[in-house]
Structure formats: structure tokens, C-alpha cells
Amino acid sequence: MSDNNDSNKNINVSKDSNINVNIGASTATFGIVSFVIGIIGIFLISFILSPLALLFGVISLFREKSKIWGLLGVICAIIGAITSPILMGILGIGTLFSII
């Protein structure tokens, strides 16, 4: 039998070592999520995705330092809410659902 057991590794941390963990990191997570959902909401299921994009965009504008992603998400949500019925009419999706 071999005594090489990789699961029993010891990690020694001295008292002098300094470990920094930044829990409240400044990222634009809500803004990026808002933007992506807003872009998808322009073309697909806008009645669900546009309000979500608007919600995440507004949260991003109030909570995050980088406001550009939140603003882009709000703009895409508004465009999705306005163009969704127009886009469905142009593509003939309304007639597809009336046949079914």
C-alpha cells in the first residue's frame, strides 16, 4: 500500500499572514443582467423579460457605482416593451397563434 494520500494535505497559515476578502465588491452585476435580459426581451417573450430588465436596471441605478449598464438595461427594457407588439405583427406571430 502506498502512503501517498492527497486528501490529507495540511495547510498552515501563520499569524503574520494577511488575507483580504472583499465581500462587497463593486461589480455591475444587476446592470449587466438587466442589459442581457433587455436585449433578449426585445426579440423573445417581452411581456415577461422587459419588466424584469426594467426592475434590474432600476436596482442597478440605485445600488451600483457603474450606472451605464443599468441605464442600457432600462433603455433595452423600454425598447422591448414598445417594439414587441410591432415585431410580432411584422413577423406574423400573431397569425400563427390565431391558427393554433
N, C-alpha and C. Protein backbone atom coordinates (compact mmCIF):
# COMPACT_ATOMS: atom_id res chain seq x y z
N MET A 1 0.84 -1.18 0.00
CA MET A 1 0.00 0.00 0.00
C MET A 1 0.88 1.24 0.00
N SER A 2 0.36 2.25 -0.61
CA SER A 2 1.10 3.49 -0.71
C SER A 2 0.64 4.46 0.36
N ASP A 3 1.57 5.23 0.91
CA ASP A 3 1.22 6.22 1.92
C ASP A 3 0.95 7.59 1.33
N ASN A 4 0.89 7.71 0.01
CA ASN A 4 0.61 9.00 -0.63
C ASN A 4 -0.90 9.23 -0.66
N ASN A 5 -1.37 9.97 0.29
CA ASN A 5 -2.80 10.27 0.38
C ASN A 5 -2.96 11.77 0.16
N ASP A 6 -3.47 12.15 -1.01
CA ASP A 6 -3.60 13.57 -1.35
C ASP A 6 -4.72 14.27 -0.59
N SER A 7 -5.63 13.53 -0.03
CA SER A 7 -6.74 14.17 0.66
C SER A 7 -6.36 14.66 2.05
N ASN A 8 -5.19 14.29 2.55
CA ASN A 8 -4.77 14.70 3.88
C ASN A 8 -3.67 15.75 3.83
N LYS A 9 -3.83 16.75 3.01
CA LYS A 9 -2.85 17.82 2.93
C LYS A 9 -3.09 18.82 4.05
N ASN A 10 -2.01 19.28 4.64
CA ASN A 10 -2.10 20.26 5.70
C ASN A 10 -1.83 21.65 5.14
N ILE A 11 -2.65 22.59 5.51
CA ILE A 11 -2.46 23.98 5.11
C ILE A 11 -2.14 24.77 6.37
N ASN A 12 -0.96 25.34 6.40
CA ASN A 12 -0.54 26.11 7.55
C ASN A 12 -0.62 27.60 7.23
N VAL A 13 -1.32 28.34 8.05
CA VAL A 13 -1.42 29.78 7.90
C VAL A 13 -0.82 30.40 9.15
N SER A 14 0.20 31.20 8.97
CA SER A 14 0.84 31.83 10.13
C SER A 14 0.02 33.03 10.58
N LYS A 15 0.28 33.48 11.76
CA LYS A 15 -0.44 34.62 12.32
C LYS A 15 -0.07 35.92 11.63
N ASP A 16 1.08 35.95 10.97
CA ASP A 16 1.54 37.17 10.31
C ASP A 16 0.96 37.34 8.92
N SER A 17 0.35 36.31 8.37
CA SER A 17 -0.17 36.43 7.01
C SER A 17 -1.45 37.27 7.02
N ASN A 18 -1.62 38.02 5.95
CA ASN A 18 -2.76 38.93 5.83
C ASN A 18 -3.65 38.44 4.69
N ILE A 19 -4.85 38.05 4.99
CA ILE A 19 -5.79 37.57 3.99
C ILE A 19 -6.92 38.59 3.89
N ASN A 20 -7.07 39.16 2.69
CA ASN A 20 -8.13 40.13 2.46
C ASN A 20 -9.24 39.51 1.62
N VAL A 21 -10.45 39.60 2.12
CA VAL A 21 -11.61 39.12 1.38
C VAL A 21 -12.56 40.29 1.24
N ASN A 22 -12.81 40.68 0.00
CA ASN A 22 -13.71 41.80 -0.26
C ASN A 22 -15.09 41.26 -0.61
N ILE A 23 -15.96 41.22 0.38
CA ILE A 23 -17.30 40.66 0.17
C ILE A 23 -18.18 41.62 -0.61
N GLY A 24 -18.10 42.89 -0.34
CA GLY A 24 -18.94 43.87 -1.00
C GLY A 24 -18.26 44.46 -2.23
N ALA A 25 -17.77 43.61 -3.11
CA ALA A 25 -17.07 44.08 -4.29
C ALA A 25 -17.99 44.90 -5.18
N SER A 26 -17.44 45.92 -5.77
CA SER A 26 -18.21 46.80 -6.63
C SER A 26 -18.24 46.24 -8.05
N THR A 27 -19.29 45.53 -8.36
CA THR A 27 -19.47 44.99 -9.71
C THR A 27 -20.79 45.49 -10.26
N ALA A 28 -20.94 45.38 -11.54
CA ALA A 28 -22.16 45.84 -12.20
C ALA A 28 -23.07 44.66 -12.53
N THR A 29 -23.24 43.77 -11.59
CA THR A 29 -23.99 42.54 -11.84
C THR A 29 -25.43 42.81 -12.23
N PHE A 30 -26.14 43.62 -11.46
CA PHE A 30 -27.53 43.91 -11.77
C PHE A 30 -27.66 44.62 -13.11
N GLY A 31 -26.74 45.51 -13.40
CA GLY A 31 -26.79 46.23 -14.66
C GLY A 31 -26.56 45.33 -15.86
N ILE A 32 -25.59 44.43 -15.75
CA ILE A 32 -25.31 43.51 -16.85
C ILE A 32 -26.47 42.54 -17.04
N VAL A 33 -27.04 42.04 -15.95
CA VAL A 33 -28.21 41.16 -16.05
C VAL A 33 -29.37 41.91 -16.69
N SER A 34 -29.57 43.15 -16.31
CA SER A 34 -30.63 43.97 -16.89
C SER A 34 -30.43 44.15 -18.39
N PHE A 35 -29.20 44.43 -18.79
CA PHE A 35 -28.90 44.64 -20.21
C PHE A 35 -29.14 43.37 -21.03
N VAL A 36 -28.65 42.25 -20.53
CA VAL A 36 -28.81 40.98 -21.26
C VAL A 36 -30.28 40.59 -21.36
N ILE A 37 -31.00 40.68 -20.26
CA ILE A 37 -32.43 40.35 -20.29
C ILE A 37 -33.18 41.33 -21.18
N GLY A 38 -32.79 42.60 -21.18
CA GLY A 38 -33.43 43.59 -22.04
C GLY A 38 -33.21 43.30 -23.51
N ILE A 39 -32.00 42.91 -23.88
CA ILE A 39 -31.71 42.56 -25.28
C ILE A 39 -32.53 41.34 -25.70
N ILE A 40 -32.55 40.33 -24.86
CA ILE A 40 -33.34 39.13 -25.18
C ILE A 40 -34.82 39.47 -25.22
N GLY A 41 -35.25 40.37 -24.33
CA GLY A 41 -36.66 40.76 -24.27
C GLY A 41 -37.13 41.52 -25.48
N ILE A 42 -36.23 42.12 -26.25
CA ILE A 42 -36.64 42.80 -27.48
C ILE A 42 -37.17 41.79 -28.49
N PHE A 43 -36.60 40.59 -28.51
CA PHE A 43 -36.95 39.60 -29.53
C PHE A 43 -37.82 38.46 -29.02
N LEU A 44 -37.76 38.14 -27.73
CA LEU A 44 -38.50 37.00 -27.19
C LEU A 44 -39.27 37.40 -25.95
N ILE A 45 -40.39 36.80 -25.72
CA ILE A 45 -41.28 36.96 -24.57
C ILE A 45 -41.08 38.27 -23.80
N SER A 46 -41.34 39.34 -24.51
CA SER A 46 -41.10 40.68 -23.98
C SER A 46 -41.99 40.99 -22.78
N PHE A 47 -43.19 40.45 -22.74
CA PHE A 47 -44.11 40.76 -21.64
C PHE A 47 -43.59 40.24 -20.31
N ILE A 48 -42.65 39.30 -20.32
CA ILE A 48 -42.04 38.81 -19.08
C ILE A 48 -40.66 39.45 -18.88
N LEU A 49 -39.87 39.49 -19.94
CA LEU A 49 -38.47 39.91 -19.78
C LEU A 49 -38.29 41.42 -19.68
N SER A 50 -39.14 42.20 -20.34
CA SER A 50 -38.98 43.66 -20.27
C SER A 50 -39.20 44.20 -18.86
N PRO A 51 -40.26 43.78 -18.14
CA PRO A 51 -40.37 44.25 -16.75
C PRO A 51 -39.22 43.79 -15.85
N LEU A 52 -38.71 42.57 -16.08
CA LEU A 52 -37.56 42.11 -15.30
C LEU A 52 -36.33 42.96 -15.59
N ALA A 53 -36.10 43.27 -16.86
CA ALA A 53 -34.96 44.10 -17.22
C ALA A 53 -35.10 45.49 -16.62
N LEU A 54 -36.30 46.02 -16.62
CA LEU A 54 -36.55 47.33 -16.01
C LEU A 54 -36.28 47.29 -14.51
N LEU A 55 -36.73 46.24 -13.85
CA LEU A 55 -36.52 46.10 -12.40
C LEU A 55 -35.03 46.02 -12.07
N PHE A 56 -34.31 45.14 -12.77
CA PHE A 56 -32.88 45.02 -12.51
C PHE A 56 -32.12 46.30 -12.87
N GLY A 57 -32.56 46.99 -13.90
CA GLY A 57 -31.93 48.24 -14.29
C GLY A 57 -32.09 49.32 -13.23
N VAL A 58 -33.29 49.43 -12.68
CA VAL A 58 -33.54 50.44 -11.63
C VAL A 58 -32.75 50.09 -10.37
N ILE A 59 -32.71 48.81 -10.02
CA ILE A 59 -31.91 48.40 -8.86
C ILE A 59 -30.44 48.75 -9.09
N SER A 60 -29.97 48.52 -10.30
CA SER A 60 -28.58 48.84 -10.63
C SER A 60 -28.30 50.33 -10.54
N LEU A 61 -29.25 51.15 -10.98
CA LEU A 61 -29.04 52.60 -10.93
C LEU A 61 -28.94 53.11 -9.50
N PHE A 62 -29.64 52.48 -8.57
CA PHE A 62 -29.61 52.94 -7.19
C PHE A 62 -28.50 52.32 -6.36
N ARG A 63 -28.03 51.11 -6.69
CA ARG A 63 -27.09 50.40 -5.83
C ARG A 63 -25.65 50.40 -6.31
N GLU A 64 -25.41 50.50 -7.60
CA GLU A 64 -24.07 50.27 -8.11
C GLU A 64 -23.39 51.57 -8.53
N LYS A 65 -22.07 51.55 -8.48
CA LYS A 65 -21.30 52.73 -8.89
C LYS A 65 -21.36 52.93 -10.40
N SER A 66 -21.22 51.85 -11.15
CA SER A 66 -21.25 51.93 -12.60
C SER A 66 -22.71 51.96 -13.06
N LYS A 67 -23.16 53.12 -13.50
CA LYS A 67 -24.56 53.30 -13.84
C LYS A 67 -24.87 53.00 -15.31
N ILE A 68 -23.85 52.85 -16.14
CA ILE A 68 -24.07 52.71 -17.58
C ILE A 68 -24.81 51.42 -17.92
N TRP A 69 -24.47 50.31 -17.25
CA TRP A 69 -25.15 49.05 -17.55
C TRP A 69 -26.61 49.09 -17.14
N GLY A 70 -26.89 49.72 -16.02
CA GLY A 70 -28.29 49.86 -15.59
C GLY A 70 -29.08 50.72 -16.54
N LEU A 71 -28.46 51.80 -17.02
CA LEU A 71 -29.13 52.68 -17.97
C LEU A 71 -29.38 51.97 -19.29
N LEU A 72 -28.40 51.21 -19.77
CA LEU A 72 -28.59 50.44 -21.00
C LEU A 72 -29.68 49.39 -20.83
N GLY A 73 -29.75 48.78 -19.66
CA GLY A 73 -30.80 47.79 -19.39
C GLY A 73 -32.18 48.41 -19.39
N VAL A 74 -32.32 49.60 -18.80
CA VAL A 74 -33.61 50.30 -18.78
C VAL A 74 -34.01 50.69 -20.21
N ILE A 75 -33.05 51.17 -20.98
CA ILE A 75 -33.35 51.55 -22.38
C ILE A 75 -33.79 50.32 -23.18
N CYS A 76 -33.10 49.20 -23.02
CA CYS A 76 -33.49 47.98 -23.74
C CYS A 76 -34.85 47.48 -23.28
N ALA A 77 -35.17 47.62 -22.00
CA ALA A 77 -36.48 47.21 -21.50
C ALA A 77 -37.59 48.06 -22.12
N ILE A 78 -37.36 49.36 -22.24
CA ILE A 78 -38.35 50.24 -22.86
C ILE A 78 -38.50 49.92 -24.34
N ILE A 79 -37.39 49.71 -25.03
CA ILE A 79 -37.45 49.35 -26.45
C ILE A 79 -38.19 48.02 -26.62
N GLY A 80 -37.92 47.05 -25.75
CA GLY A 80 -38.59 45.76 -25.82
C GLY A 80 -40.09 45.88 -25.59
N ALA A 81 -40.48 46.72 -24.64
CA ALA A 81 -41.91 46.89 -24.36
C ALA A 81 -42.63 47.59 -25.50
N ILE A 82 -41.95 48.50 -26.18
CA ILE A 82 -42.58 49.24 -27.28
C ILE A 82 -42.62 48.41 -28.56
N THR A 83 -41.53 47.75 -28.88
CA THR A 83 -41.43 47.07 -30.17
C THR A 83 -41.96 45.65 -30.18
N SER A 84 -42.24 45.08 -29.05
CA SER A 84 -42.69 43.70 -29.04
C SER A 84 -43.96 43.47 -29.85
N PRO A 85 -45.03 44.24 -29.65
CA PRO A 85 -46.22 44.03 -30.48
C PRO A 85 -45.96 44.33 -31.95
N ILE A 86 -45.13 45.33 -32.23
CA ILE A 86 -44.81 45.68 -33.62
C ILE A 86 -44.01 44.55 -34.27
N LEU A 87 -43.02 44.04 -33.55
CA LEU A 87 -42.19 42.97 -34.08
C LEU A 87 -43.02 41.71 -34.30
N MET A 88 -43.91 41.41 -33.38
CA MET A 88 -44.78 40.24 -33.54
C MET A 88 -45.68 40.40 -34.76
N GLY A 89 -46.17 41.61 -34.99
CA GLY A 89 -47.01 41.84 -36.16
C GLY A 89 -46.23 41.73 -37.45
N ILE A 90 -45.01 42.25 -37.45
CA ILE A 90 -44.19 42.18 -38.66
C ILE A 90 -43.84 40.72 -38.99
N LEU A 91 -43.50 39.96 -37.99
CA LEU A 91 -43.12 38.57 -38.21
C LEU A 91 -44.31 37.64 -38.42
N GLY A 92 -45.50 38.13 -38.17
CA GLY A 92 -46.69 37.32 -38.35
C GLY A 92 -46.91 36.31 -37.25
N ILE A 93 -46.35 36.58 -36.08
CA ILE A 93 -46.50 35.65 -34.96
C ILE A 93 -47.95 35.67 -34.46
N GLY A 94 -48.60 36.81 -34.57
CA GLY A 94 -49.99 36.89 -34.15
C GLY A 94 -50.89 35.96 -34.96
N THR A 95 -50.66 35.89 -36.25
CA THR A 95 -51.47 34.99 -37.08
C THR A 95 -51.12 33.53 -36.80
N LEU A 96 -49.89 33.28 -36.42
CA LEU A 96 -49.51 31.91 -36.07
C LEU A 96 -50.30 31.44 -34.88
N PHE A 97 -50.44 32.29 -33.85
CA PHE A 97 -51.17 31.89 -32.67
C PHE A 97 -52.67 31.83 -32.91
N SER A 98 -53.19 32.58 -33.86
CA SER A 98 -54.62 32.51 -34.14
C SER A 98 -54.97 31.24 -34.89
N ILE A 99 -54.03 30.67 -35.64
CA ILE A 99 -54.28 29.42 -36.34
C ILE A 99 -54.29 28.25 -35.36
N ILE A 100 -53.42 28.32 -34.38
CA ILE A 100 -53.31 27.23 -33.41
C ILE A 100 -54.44 27.34 -32.47
